Amino acid sequence: MILEQVRDRLRDAGIVTTHKQFCELWLGKSECYMRFLRFSETEPSADALATCAAQLASTAKQLRGYGKGKHSAWAEELEQLRVECYVAMDAAARVKLQRKGVCA
């Protein structure tokens, strides 16, 4: 799942340290949100994906401000994860439209 990938990469970068911090600050959800998704086999909400993408964009921008080197490399990775959040959101919307019989 894209959100687990984002969480793990943010941990690797030292940007987030706890699961609770990720869910609350990066998704705008409670700390049990990802557990709910996993156990109910549900896809993340568009709201959670959009909030995560916005946070990724903001953090990437901050990292670019620090200059080149590892900060720049992390900024690029966060930007790619932001794009992947939007791809996941688009895919979920297409599935929803197909279920309703609307061409997508």
PDB file of N, CA and C in Angstrom:
ATOM      1  N   MET A   1       0.850  -1.176   0.000  1.00  0.00           N
ATOM      2  CA  MET A   1       0.000   0.000   0.000  1.00  0.00           C
ATOM      3  C   MET A   1       0.897   1.242   0.000  1.00  0.00           C
ATOM      4  N   ILE A   2       0.498   2.244  -0.758  1.00  0.00           N
ATOM      5  CA  ILE A   2       1.301   3.455  -0.902  1.00  0.00           C
ATOM      6  C   ILE A   2       1.539   4.143   0.439  1.00  0.00           C
ATOM      7  N   LEU A   3       0.558   4.167   1.317  1.00  0.00           N
ATOM      8  CA  LEU A   3       0.744   4.861   2.590  1.00  0.00           C
ATOM      9  C   LEU A   3       1.794   4.178   3.461  1.00  0.00           C
ATOM     10  N   GLU A   4       1.858   2.860   3.413  1.00  0.00           N
ATOM     11  CA  GLU A   4       2.900   2.148   4.163  1.00  0.00           C
ATOM     12  C   GLU A   4       4.276   2.471   3.585  1.00  0.00           C
ATOM     13  N   GLN A   5       4.346   2.550   2.274  1.00  0.00           N
ATOM     14  CA  GLN A   5       5.605   2.898   1.611  1.00  0.00           C
ATOM     15  C   GLN A   5       6.054   4.302   2.021  1.00  0.00           C
ATOM     16  N   VAL A   6       5.126   5.247   2.012  1.00  0.00           N
ATOM     17  CA  VAL A   6       5.447   6.616   2.412  1.00  0.00           C
ATOM     18  C   VAL A   6       5.908   6.640   3.866  1.00  0.00           C
ATOM     19  N   ARG A   7       5.143   5.993   4.742  1.00  0.00           N
ATOM     20  CA  ARG A   7       5.503   5.954   6.167  1.00  0.00           C
ATOM     21  C   ARG A   7       6.910   5.393   6.368  1.00  0.00           C
ATOM     22  N   ASP A   8       7.212   4.306   5.693  1.00  0.00           N
ATOM     23  CA  ASP A   8       8.519   3.673   5.859  1.00  0.00           C
ATOM     24  C   ASP A   8       9.654   4.569   5.364  1.00  0.00           C
ATOM     25  N   ARG A   9       9.431   5.245   4.240  1.00  0.00           N
ATOM     26  CA  ARG A   9      10.475   6.128   3.707  1.00  0.00           C
ATOM     27  C   ARG A   9      10.666   7.357   4.613  1.00  0.00           C
ATOM     28  N   LEU A  10       9.564   7.870   5.161  1.00  0.00           N
ATOM     29  CA  LEU A  10       9.686   9.000   6.077  1.00  0.00           C
ATOM     30  C   LEU A  10      10.416   8.591   7.346  1.00  0.00           C
ATOM     31  N   ARG A  11      10.194   7.376   7.791  1.00  0.00           N
ATOM     32  CA  ARG A  11      10.943   6.863   8.958  1.00  0.00           C
ATOM     33  C   ARG A  11      12.420   6.756   8.620  1.00  0.00           C
ATOM     34  N   ASP A  12      12.716   6.209   7.435  1.00  0.00           N
ATOM     35  CA  ASP A  12      14.107   6.069   7.009  1.00  0.00           C
ATOM     36  C   ASP A  12      14.829   7.414   6.979  1.00  0.00           C
ATOM     37  N   ALA A  13      14.084   8.449   6.587  1.00  0.00           N
ATOM     38  CA  ALA A  13      14.667   9.790   6.499  1.00  0.00           C
ATOM     39  C   ALA A  13      14.730  10.483   7.860  1.00  0.00           C
ATOM     40  N   GLY A  14      14.092   9.897   8.864  1.00  0.00           N
ATOM     41  CA  GLY A  14      14.057  10.514  10.179  1.00  0.00           C
ATOM     42  C   GLY A  14      13.058  11.668  10.272  1.00  0.00           C
ATOM     43  N   ILE A  15      12.129  11.723   9.310  1.00  0.00           N
ATOM     44  CA  ILE A  15      11.131  12.795   9.280  1.00  0.00           C
ATOM     45  C   ILE A  15       9.983  12.485  10.223  1.00  0.00           C
ATOM     46  N   VAL A  16       9.602  11.230  10.321  1.00  0.00           N
ATOM     47  CA  VAL A  16       8.624  10.798  11.320  1.00  0.00           C
ATOM     48  C   VAL A  16       9.264   9.695  12.156  1.00  0.00           C
ATOM     49  N   THR A  17       8.820   9.605  13.390  1.00  0.00           N
ATOM     50  CA  THR A  17       9.402   8.587  14.265  1.00  0.00           C
ATOM     51  C   THR A  17       8.390   7.555  14.727  1.00  0.00           C
ATOM     52  N   THR A  18       7.099   7.913  14.704  1.00  0.00           N
ATOM     53  CA  THR A  18       6.099   6.966  15.185  1.00  0.00           C
ATOM     54  C   THR A  18       4.960   6.807  14.181  1.00  0.00           C
ATOM     55  N   HIS A  19       4.300   5.691  14.304  1.00  0.00           N
ATOM     56  CA  HIS A  19       3.124   5.415  13.479  1.00  0.00           C
ATOM     57  C   HIS A  19       2.032   6.444  13.759  1.00  0.00           C
ATOM     58  N   LYS A  20       1.844   6.771  15.029  1.00  0.00           N
ATOM     59  CA  LYS A  20       0.841   7.756  15.435  1.00  0.00           C
ATOM     60  C   LYS A  20       1.140   9.106  14.788  1.00  0.00           C
ATOM     61  N   GLN A  21       2.365   9.524  14.826  1.00  0.00           N
ATOM     62  CA  GLN A  21       2.773  10.790  14.223  1.00  0.00           C
ATOM     63  C   GLN A  21       2.455  10.801  12.732  1.00  0.00           C
ATOM     64  N   PHE A  22       2.752   9.717  12.047  1.00  0.00           N
ATOM     65  CA  PHE A  22       2.468   9.640  10.619  1.00  0.00           C
ATOM     66  C   PHE A  22       0.969   9.767  10.354  1.00  0.00           C
ATOM     67  N   CYS A  23       0.180   8.963  11.044  1.00  0.00           N
ATOM     68  CA  CYS A  23      -1.269   8.981  10.804  1.00  0.00           C
ATOM     69  C   CYS A  23      -1.889  10.341  11.107  1.00  0.00           C
ATOM     70  N   GLU A  24      -1.520  10.909  12.224  1.00  0.00           N
ATOM     71  CA  GLU A  24      -2.149  12.162  12.631  1.00  0.00           C
ATOM     72  C   GLU A  24      -1.649  13.365  11.838  1.00  0.00           C
ATOM     73  N   LEU A  25      -0.340  13.473  11.632  1.00  0.00           N
ATOM     74  CA  LEU A  25       0.218  14.657  10.980  1.00  0.00           C
ATOM     75  C   LEU A  25       0.290  14.560   9.462  1.00  0.00           C
ATOM     76  N   TRP A  26       0.453  13.361   8.951  1.00  0.00           N
ATOM     77  CA  TRP A  26       0.636  13.206   7.508  1.00  0.00           C
ATOM     78  C   TRP A  26      -0.628  12.772   6.785  1.00  0.00           C
ATOM     79  N   LEU A  27      -1.577  12.181   7.518  1.00  0.00           N
ATOM     80  CA  LEU A  27      -2.823  11.733   6.891  1.00  0.00           C
ATOM     81  C   LEU A  27      -4.039  12.490   7.417  1.00  0.00           C
ATOM     82  N   GLY A  28      -3.891  13.136   8.552  1.00  0.00           N
ATOM     83  CA  GLY A  28      -5.026  13.794   9.182  1.00  0.00           C
ATOM     84  C   GLY A  28      -6.031  12.793   9.726  1.00  0.00           C
ATOM     85  N   LYS A  29      -5.540  11.633  10.133  1.00  0.00           N
ATOM     86  CA  LYS A  29      -6.393  10.543  10.622  1.00  0.00           C
ATOM     87  C   LYS A  29      -5.930  10.105  12.003  1.00  0.00           C
ATOM     88  N   SER A  30      -6.734   9.262  12.640  1.00  0.00           N
ATOM     89  CA  SER A  30      -6.348   8.733  13.949  1.00  0.00           C
ATOM     90  C   SER A  30      -5.258   7.685  13.773  1.00  0.00           C
ATOM     91  N   GLU A  31      -4.603   7.367  14.879  1.00  0.00           N
ATOM     92  CA  GLU A  31      -3.488   6.421  14.808  1.00  0.00           C
ATOM     93  C   GLU A  31      -3.912   5.009  14.399  1.00  0.00           C
ATOM     94  N   CYS A  32      -5.206   4.692  14.477  1.00  0.00           N
ATOM     95  CA  CYS A  32      -5.667   3.356  14.105  1.00  0.00           C
ATOM     96  C   CYS A  32      -6.093   3.272  12.628  1.00  0.00           C
ATOM     97  N   TYR A  33      -5.954   4.359  11.878  1.00  0.00           N
ATOM     98  CA  TYR A  33      -6.432   4.403  10.495  1.00  0.00           C
ATOM     99  C   TYR A  33      -5.798   3.316   9.616  1.00  0.00           C
ATOM    100  N   MET A  34      -4.498   3.197   9.645  1.00  0.00           N
ATOM    101  CA  MET A  34      -3.837   2.223   8.771  1.00  0.00           C
ATOM    102  C   MET A  34      -4.157   0.790   9.200  1.00  0.00           C
ATOM    103  N   ARG A  35      -4.301   0.585  10.480  1.00  0.00           N
ATOM    104  CA  ARG A  35      -4.687  -0.747  10.972  1.00  0.00           C
ATOM    105  C   ARG A  35      -6.075  -1.102  10.448  1.00  0.00           C
ATOM    106  N   PHE A  36      -6.994  -0.123  10.482  1.00  0.00           N
ATOM    107  CA  PHE A  36      -8.337  -0.321   9.930  1.00  0.00           C
ATOM    108  C   PHE A  36      -8.264  -0.685   8.445  1.00  0.00           C
ATOM    109  N   LEU A  37      -7.455   0.025   7.676  1.00  0.00           N
ATOM    110  CA  LEU A  37      -7.324  -0.268   6.238  1.00  0.00           C
ATOM    111  C   LEU A  37      -6.833  -1.694   6.015  1.00  0.00           C
ATOM    112  N   ARG A  38      -5.823  -2.063   6.779  1.00  0.00           N
ATOM    113  CA  ARG A  38      -5.221  -3.394   6.614  1.00  0.00           C
ATOM    114  C   ARG A  38      -6.226  -4.496   6.958  1.00  0.00           C
ATOM    115  N   PHE A  39      -6.904  -4.390   8.079  1.00  0.00           N
ATOM    116  CA  PHE A  39      -7.813  -5.447   8.512  1.00  0.00           C
ATOM    117  C   PHE A  39      -9.107  -5.492   7.711  1.00  0.00           C
ATOM    118  N   SER A  40      -9.556  -4.360   7.226  1.00  0.00           N
ATOM    119  CA  SER A  40     -10.798  -4.340   6.445  1.00  0.00           C
ATOM    120  C   SER A  40     -10.532  -4.473   4.952  1.00  0.00           C
ATOM    121  N   GLU A  41      -9.235  -4.553   4.593  1.00  0.00           N
ATOM    122  CA  GLU A  41      -8.829  -4.639   3.184  1.00  0.00           C
ATOM    123  C   GLU A  41      -9.471  -3.517   2.367  1.00  0.00           C
ATOM    124  N   THR A  42      -9.403  -2.316   2.930  1.00  0.00           N
ATOM    125  CA  THR A  42      -9.967  -1.117   2.326  1.00  0.00           C
ATOM    126  C   THR A  42      -8.844  -0.255   1.779  1.00  0.00           C
ATOM    127  N   GLU A  43      -9.113   0.436   0.682  1.00  0.00           N
ATOM    128  CA  GLU A  43      -8.143   1.366   0.112  1.00  0.00           C
ATOM    129  C   GLU A  43      -8.190   2.680   0.896  1.00  0.00           C
ATOM    130  N   PRO A  44      -7.090   3.406   0.918  1.00  0.00           N
ATOM    131  CA  PRO A  44      -7.081   4.691   1.618  1.00  0.00           C
ATOM    132  C   PRO A  44      -8.079   5.670   0.999  1.00  0.00           C
ATOM    133  N   SER A  45      -8.606   6.564   1.818  1.00  0.00           N
ATOM    134  CA  SER A  45      -9.545   7.565   1.317  1.00  0.00           C
ATOM    135  C   SER A  45      -8.808   8.605   0.486  1.00  0.00           C
ATOM    136  N   ALA A  46      -9.553   9.254  -0.399  1.00  0.00           N
ATOM    137  CA  ALA A  46      -8.987  10.338  -1.205  1.00  0.00           C
ATOM    138  C   ALA A  46      -8.476  11.446  -0.292  1.00  0.00           C
ATOM    139  N   ASP A  47      -9.197  11.688   0.798  1.00  0.00           N
ATOM    140  CA  ASP A  47      -8.791  12.706   1.760  1.00  0.00           C
ATOM    141  C   ASP A  47      -7.422  12.390   2.355  1.00  0.00           C
ATOM    142  N   ALA A  48      -7.216  11.159   2.776  1.00  0.00           N
ATOM    143  CA  ALA A  48      -5.930  10.762   3.364  1.00  0.00           C
ATOM    144  C   ALA A  48      -4.811  10.863   2.336  1.00  0.00           C
ATOM    145  N   LEU A  49      -5.074  10.416   1.113  1.00  0.00           N
ATOM    146  CA  LEU A  49      -4.061  10.480   0.055  1.00  0.00           C
ATOM    147  C   LEU A  49      -3.721  11.925  -0.307  1.00  0.00           C
ATOM    148  N   ALA A  50      -4.741  12.775  -0.398  1.00  0.00           N
ATOM    149  CA  ALA A  50      -4.506  14.177  -0.742  1.00  0.00           C
ATOM    150  C   ALA A  50      -3.747  14.893   0.375  1.00  0.00           C
ATOM    151  N   THR A  51      -4.104  14.605   1.628  1.00  0.00           N
ATOM    152  CA  THR A  51      -3.404  15.211   2.761  1.00  0.00           C
ATOM    153  C   THR A  51      -1.947  14.777   2.776  1.00  0.00           C
ATOM    154  N   CYS A  52      -1.717  13.503   2.535  1.00  0.00           N
ATOM    155  CA  CYS A  52      -0.353  12.973   2.493  1.00  0.00           C
ATOM    156  C   CYS A  52       0.438  13.626   1.354  1.00  0.00           C
ATOM    157  N   ALA A  53      -0.171  13.733   0.187  1.00  0.00           N
ATOM    158  CA  ALA A  53       0.497  14.340  -0.969  1.00  0.00           C
ATOM    159  C   ALA A  53       0.864  15.797  -0.673  1.00  0.00           C
ATOM    160  N   ALA A  54      -0.029  16.527  -0.030  1.00  0.00           N
ATOM    161  CA  ALA A  54       0.254  17.925   0.306  1.00  0.00           C
ATOM    162  C   ALA A  54       1.410  18.031   1.296  1.00  0.00           C
ATOM    163  N   GLN A  55       1.434  17.144   2.274  1.00  0.00           N
ATOM    164  CA  GLN A  55       2.529  17.140   3.248  1.00  0.00           C
ATOM    165  C   GLN A  55       3.854  16.786   2.580  1.00  0.00           C
ATOM    166  N   LEU A  56       3.809  15.822   1.669  1.00  0.00           N
ATOM    167  CA  LEU A  56       5.020  15.443   0.939  1.00  0.00           C
ATOM    168  C   LEU A  56       5.548  16.614   0.123  1.00  0.00           C
ATOM    169  N   ALA A  57       4.657  17.326  -0.561  1.00  0.00           N
ATOM    170  CA  ALA A  57       5.067  18.478  -1.365  1.00  0.00           C
ATOM    171  C   ALA A  57       5.686  19.559  -0.488  1.00  0.00           C
ATOM    172  N   SER A  58       5.061  19.830   0.636  1.00  0.00           N
ATOM    173  CA  SER A  58       5.561  20.862   1.549  1.00  0.00           C
ATOM    174  C   SER A  58       6.941  20.498   2.097  1.00  0.00           C
ATOM    175  N   THR A  59       7.093  19.255   2.502  1.00  0.00           N
ATOM    176  CA  THR A  59       8.370  18.811   3.062  1.00  0.00           C
ATOM    177  C   THR A  59       9.454  18.788   1.995  1.00  0.00           C
ATOM    178  N   ALA A  60       9.115  18.363   0.787  1.00  0.00           N
ATOM    179  CA  ALA A  60      10.091  18.366  -0.310  1.00  0.00           C
ATOM    180  C   ALA A  60      10.567  19.793  -0.582  1.00  0.00           C
ATOM    181  N   LYS A  61       9.649  20.733  -0.553  1.00  0.00           N
ATOM    182  CA  LYS A  61      10.008  22.140  -0.778  1.00  0.00           C
ATOM    183  C   LYS A  61      10.972  22.624   0.305  1.00  0.00           C
ATOM    184  N   GLN A  62      10.693  22.271   1.552  1.00  0.00           N
ATOM    185  CA  GLN A  62      11.582  22.661   2.649  1.00  0.00           C
ATOM    186  C   GLN A  62      12.970  22.050   2.469  1.00  0.00           C
ATOM    187  N   LEU A  63      13.007  20.781   2.096  1.00  0.00           N
ATOM    188  CA  LEU A  63      14.291  20.106   1.918  1.00  0.00           C
ATOM    189  C   LEU A  63      15.096  20.733   0.789  1.00  0.00           C
ATOM    190  N   ARG A  64      14.427  21.138  -0.275  1.00  0.00           N
ATOM    191  CA  ARG A  64      15.133  21.794  -1.385  1.00  0.00           C
ATOM    192  C   ARG A  64      15.775  23.096  -0.923  1.00  0.00           C
ATOM    193  N   GLY A  65      15.152  23.747   0.040  1.00  0.00           N
ATOM    194  CA  GLY A  65      15.691  24.997   0.569  1.00  0.00           C
ATOM    195  C   GLY A  65      17.004  24.825   1.315  1.00  0.00           C
ATOM    196  N   TYR A  66      17.299  23.613   1.748  1.00  0.00           N
ATOM    197  CA  TYR A  66      18.543  23.349   2.466  1.00  0.00           C
ATOM    198  C   TYR A  66      19.734  23.191   1.537  1.00  0.00           C
ATOM    199  N   GLY A  67      19.484  23.108   0.243  1.00  0.00           N
ATOM    200  CA  GLY A  67      20.583  22.981  -0.706  1.00  0.00           C
ATOM    201  C   GLY A  67      20.694  21.591  -1.280  1.00  0.00           C
ATOM    202  N   LYS A  68      21.825  21.336  -1.873  1.00  0.00           N
ATOM    203  CA  LYS A  68      22.048  20.077  -2.584  1.00  0.00           C
ATOM    204  C   LYS A  68      22.439  18.961  -1.628  1.00  0.00           C
ATOM    205  N   GLY A  69      22.829  17.848  -2.195  1.00  0.00           N
ATOM    206  CA  GLY A  69      23.254  16.724  -1.379  1.00  0.00           C
ATOM    207  C   GLY A  69      22.105  15.830  -0.990  1.00  0.00           C
ATOM    208  N   LYS A  70      22.200  15.278   0.220  1.00  0.00           N
ATOM    209  CA  LYS A  70      21.202  14.295   0.637  1.00  0.00           C
ATOM    210  C   LYS A  70      19.825  14.924   0.797  1.00  0.00           C
ATOM    211  N   HIS A  71      19.753  16.216   1.176  1.00  0.00           N
ATOM    212  CA  HIS A  71      18.455  16.866   1.289  1.00  0.00           C
ATOM    213  C   HIS A  71      17.757  16.926  -0.067  1.00  0.00           C
ATOM    214  N   SER A  72      18.524  17.220  -1.088  1.00  0.00           N
ATOM    215  CA  SER A  72      17.966  17.284  -2.439  1.00  0.00           C
ATOM    216  C   SER A  72      17.494  15.911  -2.906  1.00  0.00           C
ATOM    217  N   ALA A  73      18.256  14.887  -2.582  1.00  0.00           N
ATOM    218  CA  ALA A  73      17.877  13.521  -2.962  1.00  0.00           C
ATOM    219  C   ALA A  73      16.582  13.117  -2.260  1.00  0.00           C
ATOM    220  N   TRP A  74      16.460  13.450  -0.971  1.00  0.00           N
ATOM    221  CA  TRP A  74      15.222  13.138  -0.246  1.00  0.00           C
ATOM    222  C   TRP A  74      14.058  13.930  -0.814  1.00  0.00           C
ATOM    223  N   ALA A  75      14.302  15.187  -1.189  1.00  0.00           N
ATOM    224  CA  ALA A  75      13.239  16.010  -1.774  1.00  0.00           C
ATOM    225  C   ALA A  75      12.702  15.361  -3.043  1.00  0.00           C
ATOM    226  N   GLU A  76      13.583  14.848  -3.867  1.00  0.00           N
ATOM    227  CA  GLU A  76      13.163  14.179  -5.102  1.00  0.00           C
ATOM    228  C   GLU A  76      12.361  12.913  -4.799  1.00  0.00           C
ATOM    229  N   GLU A  77      12.806  12.170  -3.805  1.00  0.00           N
ATOM    230  CA  GLU A  77      12.076  10.953  -3.445  1.00  0.00           C
ATOM    231  C   GLU A  77      10.685  11.278  -2.903  1.00  0.00           C
ATOM    232  N   LEU A  78      10.592  12.305  -2.075  1.00  0.00           N
ATOM    233  CA  LEU A  78       9.290  12.699  -1.545  1.00  0.00           C
ATOM    234  C   LEU A  78       8.375  13.193  -2.663  1.00  0.00           C
ATOM    235  N   GLU A  79       8.942  13.870  -3.626  1.00  0.00           N
ATOM    236  CA  GLU A  79       8.148  14.341  -4.770  1.00  0.00           C
ATOM    237  C   GLU A  79       7.599  13.149  -5.555  1.00  0.00           C
ATOM    238  N   GLN A  80       8.407  12.109  -5.730  1.00  0.00           N
ATOM    239  CA  GLN A  80       7.934  10.905  -6.426  1.00  0.00           C
ATOM    240  C   GLN A  80       6.833  10.214  -5.627  1.00  0.00           C
ATOM    241  N   LEU A  81       6.965  10.156  -4.322  1.00  0.00           N
ATOM    242  CA  LEU A  81       5.921   9.566  -3.490  1.00  0.00           C
ATOM    243  C   LEU A  81       4.632  10.382  -3.568  1.00  0.00           C
ATOM    244  N   ARG A  82       4.762  11.707  -3.668  1.00  0.00           N
ATOM    245  CA  ARG A  82       3.590  12.574  -3.839  1.00  0.00           C
ATOM    246  C   ARG A  82       2.843  12.200  -5.113  1.00  0.00           C
ATOM    247  N   VAL A  83       3.593  12.011  -6.186  1.00  0.00           N
ATOM    248  CA  VAL A  83       2.977  11.616  -7.456  1.00  0.00           C
ATOM    249  C   VAL A  83       2.275  10.267  -7.305  1.00  0.00           C
ATOM    250  N   GLU A  84       2.897   9.336  -6.612  1.00  0.00           N
ATOM    251  CA  GLU A  84       2.301   8.018  -6.415  1.00  0.00           C
ATOM    252  C   GLU A  84       1.008   8.095  -5.603  1.00  0.00           C
ATOM    253  N   CYS A  85       0.934   9.031  -4.666  1.00  0.00           N
ATOM    254  CA  CYS A  85      -0.314   9.238  -3.919  1.00  0.00           C
ATOM    255  C   CYS A  85      -1.427   9.663  -4.868  1.00  0.00           C
ATOM    256  N   TYR A  86      -1.112  10.573  -5.787  1.00  0.00           N
ATOM    257  CA  TYR A  86      -2.118  11.018  -6.748  1.00  0.00           C
ATOM    258  C   TYR A  86      -2.498   9.909  -7.724  1.00  0.00           C
ATOM    259  N   VAL A  87      -1.555   9.071  -8.095  1.00  0.00           N
ATOM    260  CA  VAL A  87      -1.849   7.923  -8.960  1.00  0.00           C
ATOM    261  C   VAL A  87      -2.807   6.971  -8.245  1.00  0.00           C
ATOM    262  N   ALA A  88      -2.568   6.723  -6.965  1.00  0.00           N
ATOM    263  CA  ALA A  88      -3.451   5.850  -6.179  1.00  0.00           C
ATOM    264  C   ALA A  88      -4.843   6.456  -6.066  1.00  0.00           C
ATOM    265  N   MET A  89      -4.900   7.765  -5.883  1.00  0.00           N
ATOM    266  CA  MET A  89      -6.195   8.441  -5.783  1.00  0.00           C
ATOM    267  C   MET A  89      -6.945   8.336  -7.107  1.00  0.00           C
ATOM    268  N   ASP A  90      -6.258   8.513  -8.200  1.00  0.00           N
ATOM    269  CA  ASP A  90      -6.874   8.405  -9.522  1.00  0.00           C
ATOM    270  C   ASP A  90      -7.382   6.991  -9.774  1.00  0.00           C
ATOM    271  N   ALA A  91      -6.582   5.995  -9.408  1.00  0.00           N
ATOM    272  CA  ALA A  91      -6.986   4.599  -9.608  1.00  0.00           C
ATOM    273  C   ALA A  91      -8.237   4.279  -8.792  1.00  0.00           C
ATOM    274  N   ALA A  92      -8.293   4.763  -7.557  1.00  0.00           N
ATOM    275  CA  ALA A  92      -9.469   4.523  -6.709  1.00  0.00           C
ATOM    276  C   ALA A  92     -10.708   5.188  -7.305  1.00  0.00           C
ATOM    277  N   ALA A  93     -10.538   6.373  -7.858  1.00  0.00           N
ATOM    278  CA  ALA A  93     -11.671   7.069  -8.475  1.00  0.00           C
ATOM    279  C   ALA A  93     -12.168   6.303  -9.701  1.00  0.00           C
ATOM    280  N   ARG A  94     -11.255   5.757 -10.477  1.00  0.00           N
ATOM    281  CA  ARG A  94     -11.646   4.983 -11.660  1.00  0.00           C
ATOM    282  C   ARG A  94     -12.437   3.732 -11.270  1.00  0.00           C
ATOM    283  N   VAL A  95     -11.994   3.050 -10.229  1.00  0.00           N
ATOM    284  CA  VAL A  95     -12.706   1.864  -9.749  1.00  0.00           C
ATOM    285  C   VAL A  95     -14.112   2.254  -9.295  1.00  0.00           C
ATOM    286  N   LYS A  96     -14.202   3.341  -8.570  1.00  0.00           N
ATOM    287  CA  LYS A  96     -15.499   3.805  -8.081  1.00  0.00           C
ATOM    288  C   LYS A  96     -16.441   4.123  -9.243  1.00  0.00           C
ATOM    289  N   LEU A  97     -15.924   4.779 -10.267  1.00  0.00           N
ATOM    290  CA  LEU A  97     -16.744   5.105 -11.439  1.00  0.00           C
ATOM    291  C   LEU A  97     -17.164   3.850 -12.195  1.00  0.00           C
ATOM    292  N   GLN A  98     -16.270   2.886 -12.306  1.00  0.00           N
ATOM    293  CA  GLN A  98     -16.603   1.643 -12.993  1.00  0.00           C
ATOM    294  C   GLN A  98     -17.698   0.886 -12.256  1.00  0.00           C
ATOM    295  N   ARG A  99     -17.636   0.903 -10.925  1.00  0.00           N
ATOM    296  CA  ARG A  99     -18.665   0.242 -10.128  1.00  0.00           C
ATOM    297  C   ARG A  99     -20.037   0.877 -10.347  1.00  0.00           C
ATOM    298  N   LYS A 100     -20.039   2.171 -10.599  1.00  0.00           N
ATOM    299  CA  LYS A 100     -21.292   2.886 -10.829  1.00  0.00           C
ATOM    300  C   LYS A 100     -21.722   2.820 -12.285  1.00  0.00           C
ATOM    301  N   GLY A 101     -20.922   2.157 -13.114  1.00  0.00           N
ATOM    302  CA  GLY A 101     -21.268   2.023 -14.523  1.00  0.00           C
ATOM    303  C   GLY A 101     -20.945   3.246 -15.369  1.00  0.00           C
ATOM    304  N   VAL A 102     -20.114   4.126 -14.835  1.00  0.00           N
ATOM    305  CA  VAL A 102     -19.699   5.315 -15.577  1.00  0.00           C
ATOM    306  C   VAL A 102     -18.388   4.987 -16.278  1.00  0.00           C
ATOM    307  N   CYS A 103     -18.283   5.372 -17.521  1.00  0.00           N
ATOM    308  CA  CYS A 103     -17.037   5.124 -18.266  1.00  0.00           C
ATOM    309  C   CYS A 103     -15.906   5.911 -17.637  1.00  0.00           C
ATOM    310  N   ALA A 104     -14.765   5.251 -17.489  1.00  0.00           N
ATOM    311  CA  ALA A 104     -13.606   5.941 -16.920  1.00  0.00           C
ATOM    312  C   ALA A 104     -12.387   5.692 -17.766  1.00  0.00           C
TER     313      ALA A 104
END
